[in-house]
PDB file of N, CA and C in Angstrom:
ATOM      1  N   MET A   1       0.821  -1.196   0.000  1.00  0.00           N
ATOM      2  CA  MET A   1       0.000   0.000   0.000  1.00  0.00           C
ATOM      3  C   MET A   1       0.867   1.262   0.000  1.00  0.00           C
ATOM      4  N   LEU A   2       1.910   1.293   0.853  1.00  0.00           N
ATOM      5  CA  LEU A   2       2.784   2.460   0.902  1.00  0.00           C
ATOM      6  C   LEU A   2       3.512   2.648  -0.421  1.00  0.00           C
ATOM      7  N   VAL A   3       3.964   1.540  -1.023  1.00  0.00           N
ATOM      8  CA  VAL A   3       4.656   1.631  -2.308  1.00  0.00           C
ATOM      9  C   VAL A   3       3.721   2.199  -3.367  1.00  0.00           C
ATOM     10  N   SER A   4       2.477   1.767  -3.357  1.00  0.00           N
ATOM     11  CA  SER A   4       1.492   2.267  -4.314  1.00  0.00           C
ATOM     12  C   SER A   4       1.258   3.765  -4.123  1.00  0.00           C
ATOM     13  N   LEU A   5       1.154   4.207  -2.876  1.00  0.00           N
ATOM     14  CA  LEU A   5       0.936   5.620  -2.589  1.00  0.00           C
ATOM     15  C   LEU A   5       2.131   6.444  -3.042  1.00  0.00           C
ATOM     16  N   LEU A   6       3.346   5.984  -2.755  1.00  0.00           N
ATOM     17  CA  LEU A   6       4.542   6.707  -3.176  1.00  0.00           C
ATOM     18  C   LEU A   6       4.644   6.774  -4.694  1.00  0.00           C
ATOM     19  N   LYS A   7       4.238   5.701  -5.372  1.00  0.00           N
ATOM     20  CA  LYS A   7       4.258   5.698  -6.832  1.00  0.00           C
ATOM     21  C   LYS A   7       3.290   6.746  -7.381  1.00  0.00           C
ATOM     22  N   GLU A   8       2.100   6.842  -6.795  1.00  0.00           N
ATOM     23  CA  GLU A   8       1.121   7.839  -7.241  1.00  0.00           C
ATOM     24  C   GLU A   8       1.653   9.253  -7.038  1.00  0.00           C
ATOM     25  N   ILE A   9       2.262   9.510  -5.887  1.00  0.00           N
ATOM     26  CA  ILE A   9       2.805  10.841  -5.603  1.00  0.00           C
ATOM     27  C   ILE A   9       3.913  11.172  -6.583  1.00  0.00           C
ATOM     28  N   THR A  10       4.810  10.221  -6.826  1.00  0.00           N
ATOM     29  CA  THR A  10       5.911  10.435  -7.766  1.00  0.00           C
ATOM     30  C   THR A  10       5.384  10.709  -9.164  1.00  0.00           C
ATOM     31  N   GLU A  11       4.348   9.985  -9.588  1.00  0.00           N
ATOM     32  CA  GLU A  11       3.758  10.216 -10.906  1.00  0.00           C
ATOM     33  C   GLU A  11       3.114  11.598 -10.979  1.00  0.00           C
ATOM     34  N   ASP A  12       2.428  12.013  -9.900  1.00  0.00           N
ATOM     35  CA  ASP A  12       1.824  13.351  -9.869  1.00  0.00           C
ATOM     36  C   ASP A  12       2.891  14.417 -10.043  1.00  0.00           C
ATOM     37  N   LEU A  13       3.981  14.302  -9.290  1.00  0.00           N
ATOM     38  CA  LEU A  13       5.054  15.290  -9.375  1.00  0.00           C
ATOM     39  C   LEU A  13       5.744  15.240 -10.728  1.00  0.00           C
ATOM     40  N   GLY A  14       5.855  14.066 -11.308  1.00  0.00           N
ATOM     41  CA  GLY A  14       6.469  13.933 -12.623  1.00  0.00           C
ATOM     42  C   GLY A  14       5.711  14.699 -13.685  1.00  0.00           C
ATOM     43  N   ARG A  15       4.392  14.715 -13.579  1.00  0.00           N
ATOM     44  CA  ARG A  15       3.586  15.477 -14.534  1.00  0.00           C
ATOM     45  C   ARG A  15       3.865  16.974 -14.409  1.00  0.00           C
ATOM     46  N   PHE A  16       4.068  17.450 -13.203  1.00  0.00           N
ATOM     47  CA  PHE A  16       4.391  18.869 -13.024  1.00  0.00           C
ATOM     48  C   PHE A  16       5.764  19.196 -13.589  1.00  0.00           C
ATOM     49  N   GLN A  17       6.729  18.307 -13.388  1.00  0.00           N
ATOM     50  CA  GLN A  17       8.091  18.564 -13.848  1.00  0.00           C
ATOM     51  C   GLN A  17       8.200  18.572 -15.360  1.00  0.00           C
ATOM     52  N   THR A  18       7.504  17.678 -16.035  1.00  0.00           N
ATOM     53  CA  THR A  18       7.686  17.518 -17.471  1.00  0.00           C
ATOM     54  C   THR A  18       6.780  18.413 -18.303  1.00  0.00           C
ATOM     55  N   SER A  19       5.833  19.064 -17.678  1.00  0.00           N
ATOM     56  CA  SER A  19       4.946  19.952 -18.421  1.00  0.00           C
ATOM     57  C   SER A  19       5.742  21.147 -18.945  1.00  0.00           C
ATOM     58  N   PRO A  20       5.713  21.416 -20.271  1.00  0.00           N
ATOM     59  CA  PRO A  20       6.492  22.528 -20.831  1.00  0.00           C
ATOM     60  C   PRO A  20       6.149  23.876 -20.206  1.00  0.00           C
ATOM     61  N   GLU A  21       4.891  24.079 -19.841  1.00  0.00           N
ATOM     62  CA  GLU A  21       4.515  25.368 -19.265  1.00  0.00           C
ATOM     63  C   GLU A  21       5.051  25.543 -17.850  1.00  0.00           C
ATOM     64  N   ARG A  22       5.464  24.476 -17.206  1.00  0.00           N
ATOM     65  CA  ARG A  22       5.998  24.558 -15.849  1.00  0.00           C
ATOM     66  C   ARG A  22       7.496  24.845 -15.835  1.00  0.00           C
ATOM     67  N   GLN A  23       8.160  24.796 -16.973  1.00  0.00           N
ATOM     68  CA  GLN A  23       9.612  24.927 -17.008  1.00  0.00           C
ATOM     69  C   GLN A  23      10.092  26.345 -16.743  1.00  0.00           C
ATOM     70  N   THR A  24       9.255  27.357 -16.909  1.00  0.00           N
ATOM     71  CA  THR A  24       9.724  28.734 -16.783  1.00  0.00           C
ATOM     72  C   THR A  24       8.981  29.527 -15.717  1.00  0.00           C
ATOM     73  N   ARG A  25       8.251  28.888 -14.869  1.00  0.00           N
ATOM     74  CA  ARG A  25       7.491  29.614 -13.855  1.00  0.00           C
ATOM     75  C   ARG A  25       8.267  29.693 -12.542  1.00  0.00           C
ATOM     76  N   PRO A  26       8.177  30.836 -11.855  1.00  0.00           N
ATOM     77  CA  PRO A  26       8.841  30.928 -10.558  1.00  0.00           C
ATOM     78  C   PRO A  26       8.080  30.205  -9.451  1.00  0.00           C
ATOM     79  N   THR A  27       6.793  29.906  -9.681  1.00  0.00           N
ATOM     80  CA  THR A  27       6.005  29.181  -8.681  1.00  0.00           C
ATOM     81  C   THR A  27       5.270  28.026  -9.334  1.00  0.00           C
ATOM     82  N   THR A  28       4.969  27.018  -8.528  1.00  0.00           N
ATOM     83  CA  THR A  28       4.189  25.884  -9.002  1.00  0.00           C
ATOM     84  C   THR A  28       3.162  25.519  -7.941  1.00  0.00           C
ATOM     85  N   PRO A  29       1.882  25.582  -8.266  1.00  0.00           N
ATOM     86  CA  PRO A  29       0.871  25.112  -7.320  1.00  0.00           C
ATOM     87  C   PRO A  29       0.651  23.609  -7.488  1.00  0.00           C
ATOM     88  N   VAL A  30       0.501  22.914  -6.378  1.00  0.00           N
ATOM     89  CA  VAL A  30       0.214  21.480  -6.399  1.00  0.00           C
ATOM     90  C   VAL A  30      -1.045  21.266  -5.575  1.00  0.00           C
ATOM     91  N   LEU A  31      -2.066  20.725  -6.193  1.00  0.00           N
ATOM     92  CA  LEU A  31      -3.295  20.396  -5.490  1.00  0.00           C
ATOM     93  C   LEU A  31      -3.343  18.896  -5.290  1.00  0.00           C
ATOM     94  N   SER A  32      -3.356  18.479  -4.040  1.00  0.00           N
ATOM     95  CA  SER A  32      -3.357  17.053  -3.753  1.00  0.00           C
ATOM     96  C   SER A  32      -3.989  16.822  -2.388  1.00  0.00           C
ATOM     97  N   PRO A  33      -4.853  15.813  -2.287  1.00  0.00           N
ATOM     98  CA  PRO A  33      -5.410  15.485  -0.974  1.00  0.00           C
ATOM     99  C   PRO A  33      -4.379  14.786  -0.083  1.00  0.00           C
ATOM    100  N   ARG A  34      -3.270  14.359  -0.672  1.00  0.00           N
ATOM    101  CA  ARG A  34      -2.242  13.625   0.085  1.00  0.00           C
ATOM    102  C   ARG A  34      -1.141  14.593   0.509  1.00  0.00           C
ATOM    103  N   LEU A  35      -0.996  14.809   1.793  1.00  0.00           N
ATOM    104  CA  LEU A  35       0.028  15.728   2.280  1.00  0.00           C
ATOM    105  C   LEU A  35       1.439  15.171   2.113  1.00  0.00           C
ATOM    106  N   GLU A  36       1.569  13.900   1.764  1.00  0.00           N
ATOM    107  CA  GLU A  36       2.890  13.326   1.532  1.00  0.00           C
ATOM    108  C   GLU A  36       3.584  13.987   0.347  1.00  0.00           C
ATOM    109  N   VAL A  37       2.839  14.701  -0.465  1.00  0.00           N
ATOM    110  CA  VAL A  37       3.410  15.356  -1.639  1.00  0.00           C
ATOM    111  C   VAL A  37       4.472  16.378  -1.232  1.00  0.00           C
ATOM    112  N   ARG A  38       4.396  16.923  -0.038  1.00  0.00           N
ATOM    113  CA  ARG A  38       5.379  17.920   0.402  1.00  0.00           C
ATOM    114  C   ARG A  38       6.765  17.320   0.541  1.00  0.00           C
ATOM    115  N   ARG A  39       6.845  16.037   0.837  1.00  0.00           N
ATOM    116  CA  ARG A  39       8.157  15.393   0.967  1.00  0.00           C
ATOM    117  C   ARG A  39       8.888  15.339  -0.366  1.00  0.00           C
ATOM    118  N   ASN A  40       8.147  15.272  -1.445  1.00  0.00           N
ATOM    119  CA  ASN A  40       8.748  15.163  -2.772  1.00  0.00           C
ATOM    120  C   ASN A  40       8.776  16.493  -3.519  1.00  0.00           C
ATOM    121  N   SER A  41       8.419  17.577  -2.864  1.00  0.00           N
ATOM    122  CA  SER A  41       8.353  18.863  -3.559  1.00  0.00           C
ATOM    123  C   SER A  41       9.726  19.378  -3.972  1.00  0.00           C
ATOM    124  N   ASN A  42      10.807  18.852  -3.397  1.00  0.00           N
ATOM    125  CA  ASN A  42      12.148  19.264  -3.828  1.00  0.00           C
ATOM    126  C   ASN A  42      12.423  18.873  -5.273  1.00  0.00           C
ATOM    127  N   GLY A  43      11.708  17.911  -5.791  1.00  0.00           N
ATOM    128  CA  GLY A  43      11.902  17.476  -7.169  1.00  0.00           C
ATOM    129  C   GLY A  43      11.347  18.447  -8.198  1.00  0.00           C
ATOM    130  N   ILE A  44      10.538  19.401  -7.773  1.00  0.00           N
ATOM    131  CA  ILE A  44       9.968  20.388  -8.690  1.00  0.00           C
ATOM    132  C   ILE A  44      10.927  21.564  -8.753  1.00  0.00           C
ATOM    133  N   ARG A  45      11.448  21.871  -9.931  1.00  0.00           N
ATOM    134  CA  ARG A  45      12.472  22.902 -10.087  1.00  0.00           C
ATOM    135  C   ARG A  45      11.857  24.281 -10.293  1.00  0.00           C
ATOM    136  N   THR A  46      11.175  24.765  -9.278  1.00  0.00           N
ATOM    137  CA  THR A  46      10.701  26.139  -9.253  1.00  0.00           C
ATOM    138  C   THR A  46      11.097  26.732  -7.908  1.00  0.00           C
ATOM    139  N   GLY A  47      11.073  28.041  -7.809  1.00  0.00           N
ATOM    140  CA  GLY A  47      11.504  28.694  -6.583  1.00  0.00           C
ATOM    141  C   GLY A  47      10.542  28.519  -5.420  1.00  0.00           C
ATOM    142  N   THR A  48       9.258  28.435  -5.703  1.00  0.00           N
ATOM    143  CA  THR A  48       8.244  28.283  -4.664  1.00  0.00           C
ATOM    144  C   THR A  48       7.249  27.220  -5.104  1.00  0.00           C
ATOM    145  N   VAL A  49       6.958  26.290  -4.211  1.00  0.00           N
ATOM    146  CA  VAL A  49       5.945  25.269  -4.461  1.00  0.00           C
ATOM    147  C   VAL A  49       4.820  25.497  -3.457  1.00  0.00           C
ATOM    148  N   TYR A  50       3.629  25.780  -3.960  1.00  0.00           N
ATOM    149  CA  TYR A  50       2.462  25.937  -3.103  1.00  0.00           C
ATOM    150  C   TYR A  50       1.699  24.621  -3.096  1.00  0.00           C
ATOM    151  N   VAL A  51       1.466  24.053  -1.917  1.00  0.00           N
ATOM    152  CA  VAL A  51       0.700  22.815  -1.801  1.00  0.00           C
ATOM    153  C   VAL A  51      -0.663  23.172  -1.216  1.00  0.00           C
ATOM    154  N   ASN A  52      -1.697  22.968  -2.006  1.00  0.00           N
ATOM    155  CA  ASN A  52      -3.088  23.229  -1.629  1.00  0.00           C
ATOM    156  C   ASN A  52      -3.356  24.692  -1.262  1.00  0.00           C
ATOM    157  N   CYS A  53      -2.588  25.606  -1.806  1.00  0.00           N
ATOM    158  CA  CYS A  53      -2.815  27.040  -1.619  1.00  0.00           C
ATOM    159  C   CYS A  53      -2.067  27.763  -2.737  1.00  0.00           C
ATOM    160  N   TYR A  54      -2.194  29.092  -2.790  1.00  0.00           N
ATOM    161  CA  TYR A  54      -1.449  29.853  -3.794  1.00  0.00           C
ATOM    162  C   TYR A  54      -1.299  31.295  -3.334  1.00  0.00           C
ATOM    163  N   ASP A  55      -0.151  31.888  -3.625  1.00  0.00           N
ATOM    164  CA  ASP A  55       0.123  33.295  -3.344  1.00  0.00           C
ATOM    165  C   ASP A  55       0.023  33.617  -1.856  1.00  0.00           C
ATOM    166  N   VAL A  56       0.604  32.742  -1.032  1.00  0.00           N
ATOM    167  CA  VAL A  56       0.595  32.934   0.413  1.00  0.00           C
ATOM    168  C   VAL A  56       2.036  33.066   0.877  1.00  0.00           C
ATOM    169  N   PHE A  57       2.475  34.295   1.154  1.00  0.00           N
ATOM    170  CA  PHE A  57       3.806  34.516   1.715  1.00  0.00           C
ATOM    171  C   PHE A  57       3.872  35.927   2.271  1.00  0.00           C
ATOM    172  N   ASP A  58       4.904  36.184   3.068  1.00  0.00           N
ATOM    173  CA  ASP A  58       5.077  37.540   3.572  1.00  0.00           C
ATOM    174  C   ASP A  58       6.438  38.075   3.134  1.00  0.00           C
ATOM    175  N   SER A  59       6.792  39.255   3.600  1.00  0.00           N
ATOM    176  CA  SER A  59       8.015  39.909   3.125  1.00  0.00           C
ATOM    177  C   SER A  59       9.289  39.202   3.564  1.00  0.00           C
ATOM    178  N   ASN A  60       9.221  38.288   4.511  1.00  0.00           N
ATOM    179  CA  ASN A  60      10.397  37.533   4.941  1.00  0.00           C
ATOM    180  C   ASN A  60      10.579  36.236   4.169  1.00  0.00           C
ATOM    181  N   THR A  61       9.655  35.922   3.291  1.00  0.00           N
ATOM    182  CA  THR A  61       9.729  34.689   2.520  1.00  0.00           C
ATOM    183  C   THR A  61      10.491  34.938   1.229  1.00  0.00           C
ATOM    184  N   PRO A  62      11.609  34.222   0.999  1.00  0.00           N
ATOM    185  CA  PRO A  62      12.339  34.403  -0.259  1.00  0.00           C
ATOM    186  C   PRO A  62      11.477  34.010  -1.451  1.00  0.00           C
ATOM    187  N   PHE A  63      11.591  34.773  -2.541  1.00  0.00           N
ATOM    188  CA  PHE A  63      10.818  34.493  -3.746  1.00  0.00           C
ATOM    189  C   PHE A  63      11.734  34.604  -4.949  1.00  0.00           C
ATOM    190  N   GLY A  64      11.677  33.635  -5.839  1.00  0.00           N
ATOM    191  CA  GLY A  64      12.481  33.661  -7.056  1.00  0.00           C
ATOM    192  C   GLY A  64      12.296  32.371  -7.817  1.00  0.00           C
ATOM    193  N   GLY A  65      12.901  32.302  -8.992  1.00  0.00           N
ATOM    194  CA  GLY A  65      12.681  31.154  -9.855  1.00  0.00           C
ATOM    195  C   GLY A  65      13.927  30.368 -10.161  1.00  0.00           C
ATOM    196  N   PHE A  66      13.773  29.405 -11.036  1.00  0.00           N
ATOM    197  CA  PHE A  66      14.843  28.565 -11.550  1.00  0.00           C
ATOM    198  C   PHE A  66      14.851  28.706 -13.067  1.00  0.00           C
ATOM    199  N   LYS A  67      15.907  28.334 -13.683  1.00  0.00           N
ATOM    200  CA  LYS A  67      16.038  28.281 -15.141  1.00  0.00           C
ATOM    201  C   LYS A  67      15.680  29.622 -15.785  1.00  0.00           C
ATOM    202  N   ASP A  68      14.767  29.618 -16.763  1.00  0.00           N
ATOM    203  CA  ASP A  68      14.429  30.817 -17.529  1.00  0.00           C
ATOM    204  C   ASP A  68      13.655  31.863 -16.734  1.00  0.00           C
ATOM    205  N   SER A  69      13.115  31.492 -15.593  1.00  0.00           N
ATOM    206  CA  SER A  69      12.322  32.464 -14.839  1.00  0.00           C
ATOM    207  C   SER A  69      13.175  33.288 -13.887  1.00  0.00           C
ATOM    208  N   GLY A  70      14.465  33.130 -13.939  1.00  0.00           N
ATOM    209  CA  GLY A  70      15.329  34.005 -13.155  1.00  0.00           C
ATOM    210  C   GLY A  70      16.208  33.280 -12.165  1.00  0.00           C
ATOM    211  N   ILE A  71      17.305  33.928 -11.856  1.00  0.00           N
ATOM    212  CA  ILE A  71      18.241  33.403 -10.873  1.00  0.00           C
ATOM    213  C   ILE A  71      18.271  34.397  -9.729  1.00  0.00           C
ATOM    214  N   GLY A  72      18.323  33.903  -8.525  1.00  0.00           N
ATOM    215  CA  GLY A  72      18.377  34.783  -7.367  1.00  0.00           C
ATOM    216  C   GLY A  72      17.050  34.820  -6.642  1.00  0.00           C
ATOM    217  N   ARG A  73      17.059  35.510  -5.524  1.00  0.00           N
ATOM    218  CA  ARG A  73      15.865  35.585  -4.696  1.00  0.00           C
ATOM    219  C   ARG A  73      15.587  37.030  -4.318  1.00  0.00           C
ATOM    220  N   GLU A  74      14.316  37.331  -4.163  1.00  0.00           N
ATOM    221  CA  GLU A  74      13.872  38.610  -3.630  1.00  0.00           C
ATOM    222  C   GLU A  74      13.279  38.333  -2.260  1.00  0.00           C
ATOM    223  N   ASN A  75      13.289  39.337  -1.403  1.00  0.00           N
ATOM    224  CA  ASN A  75      12.691  39.266  -0.063  1.00  0.00           C
ATOM    225  C   ASN A  75      13.518  38.399   0.885  1.00  0.00           C
ATOM    226  N   GLY A  76      13.337  38.627   2.150  1.00  0.00           N
ATOM    227  CA  GLY A  76      13.986  37.831   3.176  1.00  0.00           C
ATOM    228  C   GLY A  76      15.502  37.958   3.178  1.00  0.00           C
ATOM    229  N   GLU A  77      16.142  37.152   4.016  1.00  0.00           N
ATOM    230  CA  GLU A  77      17.598  37.165   4.133  1.00  0.00           C
ATOM    231  C   GLU A  77      18.280  36.779   2.825  1.00  0.00           C
ATOM    232  N   LEU A  78      17.700  35.820   2.093  1.00  0.00           N
ATOM    233  CA  LEU A  78      18.293  35.415   0.816  1.00  0.00           C
ATOM    234  C   LEU A  78      18.263  36.549  -0.203  1.00  0.00           C
ATOM    235  N   GLY A  79      17.279  37.418  -0.120  1.00  0.00           N
ATOM    236  CA  GLY A  79      17.195  38.546  -1.035  1.00  0.00           C
ATOM    237  C   GLY A  79      18.300  39.567  -0.823  1.00  0.00           C
ATOM    238  N   LEU A  80      18.835  39.646   0.382  1.00  0.00           N
ATOM    239  CA  LEU A  80      19.922  40.582   0.666  1.00  0.00           C
ATOM    240  C   LEU A  80      21.226  40.164   0.005  1.00  0.00           C
ATOM    241  N   ARG A  81      21.398  38.894  -0.270  1.00  0.00           N
ATOM    242  CA  ARG A  81      22.650  38.405  -0.854  1.00  0.00           C
ATOM    243  C   ARG A  81      22.954  39.043  -2.206  1.00  0.00           C
ATOM    244  N   ASN A  82      21.931  39.477  -2.926  1.00  0.00           N
ATOM    245  CA  ASN A  82      22.158  40.131  -4.215  1.00  0.00           C
ATOM    246  C   ASN A  82      22.890  41.455  -4.063  1.00  0.00           C
ATOM    247  N   TYR A  83      22.824  42.041  -2.879  1.00  0.00           N
ATOM    248  CA  TYR A  83      23.418  43.354  -2.659  1.00  0.00           C
ATOM    249  C   TYR A  83      24.737  43.292  -1.890  1.00  0.00           C
ATOM    250  N   LEU A  84      25.192  42.099  -1.570  1.00  0.00           N
ATOM    251  CA  LEU A  84      26.441  41.933  -0.829  1.00  0.00           C
ATOM    252  C   LEU A  84      27.591  41.672  -1.783  1.00  0.00           C
ATOM    253  N   GLU A  85      28.749  42.172  -1.424  1.00  0.00           N
ATOM    254  CA  GLU A  85      29.962  41.877  -2.180  1.00  0.00           C
ATOM    255  C   GLU A  85      30.926  41.166  -1.245  1.00  0.00           C
ATOM    256  N   HIS A  86      31.449  40.057  -1.704  1.00  0.00           N
ATOM    257  CA  HIS A  86      32.393  39.287  -0.904  1.00  0.00           C
ATOM    258  C   HIS A  86      33.799  39.648  -1.329  1.00  0.00           C
ATOM    259  N   LYS A  87      34.672  39.696  -0.360  1.00  0.00           N
ATOM    260  CA  LYS A  87      36.046  40.074  -0.650  1.00  0.00           C
ATOM    261  C   LYS A  87      36.983  39.145   0.106  1.00  0.00           C
ATOM    262  N   THR A  88      38.065  38.759  -0.537  1.00  0.00           N
ATOM    263  CA  THR A  88      39.125  37.985   0.096  1.00  0.00           C
ATOM    264  C   THR A  88      40.340  38.884   0.224  1.00  0.00           C
ATOM    265  N   VAL A  89      40.912  38.938   1.417  1.00  0.00           N
ATOM    266  CA  VAL A  89      42.119  39.730   1.657  1.00  0.00           C
ATOM    267  C   VAL A  89      43.227  38.778   2.077  1.00  0.00           C
ATOM    268  N   ILE A  90      44.326  38.785   1.328  1.00  0.00           N
ATOM    269  CA  ILE A  90      45.478  37.933   1.634  1.00  0.00           C
ATOM    270  C   ILE A  90      46.651  38.848   1.944  1.00  0.00           C
ATOM    271  N   ILE A  91      47.245  38.656   3.112  1.00  0.00           N
ATOM    272  CA  ILE A  91      48.352  39.500   3.548  1.00  0.00           C
ATOM    273  C   ILE A  91      49.571  38.627   3.802  1.00  0.00           C
ATOM    274  N   LYS A  92      50.692  39.006   3.228  1.00  0.00           N
ATOM    275  CA  LYS A  92      51.940  38.303   3.499  1.00  0.00           C
ATOM    276  C   LYS A  92      52.534  38.900   4.760  1.00  0.00           C
ATOM    277  N   ARG A  93      52.742  38.029   5.731  1.00  0.00           N
ATOM    278  CA  ARG A  93      53.325  38.481   6.987  1.00  0.00           C
ATOM    279  C   ARG A  93      54.839  38.326   6.933  1.00  0.00           C
ATOM    280  N   PRO A  94      55.571  39.113   7.729  1.00  0.00           N
ATOM    281  CA  PRO A  94      57.026  38.934   7.778  1.00  0.00           C
ATOM    282  C   PRO A  94      57.375  37.510   8.219  1.00  0.00           C
ATOM    283  N   GLU A  95      58.467  36.991   7.725  1.00  0.00           N
ATOM    284  CA  GLU A  95      58.868  35.608   7.997  1.00  0.00           C
ATOM    285  C   GLU A  95      58.944  35.297   9.488  1.00  0.00           C
ATOM    286  N   ASP A  96      59.397  36.241  10.298  1.00  0.00           N
ATOM    287  CA  ASP A  96      59.561  35.953  11.725  1.00  0.00           C
ATOM    288  C   ASP A  96      58.234  35.876  12.474  1.00  0.00           C
ATOM    289  N   SER A  97      57.171  36.332  11.887  1.00  0.00           N
ATOM    290  CA  SER A  97      55.882  36.262  12.573  1.00  0.00           C
ATOM    291  C   SER A  97      55.089  35.012  12.202  1.00  0.00           C
ATOM    292  N   MET A  98      55.626  34.196  11.305  1.00  0.00           N
ATOM    293  CA  MET A  98      54.926  32.964  10.911  1.00  0.00           C
ATOM    294  C   MET A  98      55.021  31.947  12.044  1.00  0.00           C
ATOM    295  N   PRO A  99      53.968  31.252  12.341  1.00  0.00           N
ATOM    296  CA  PRO A  99      54.014  30.243  13.417  1.00  0.00           C
ATOM    297  C   PRO A  99      54.882  29.056  13.062  1.00  0.00           C
TER     298      PRO A  99
END
């Protein structure tokens, strides 16, 4: 029974992944009476997966897409990364100060 249920969930998610219209969207809604679908939602290559709801988030929730719908995130802590610059500083110390 569990194997059958997992197969159904995997097939449901497979239809979302292979649909051409789903390849460029930043969000994907999934309607399913089985809450087990959330365990497999990582297989859907969109930035946000809504399970049994849609357009529910606040300003702290990162939002963005995959592939053609964009790279990067808006909102939340992940959204700040677009504005940060990382720097590496390498300093040669005098020979006598080396451990």
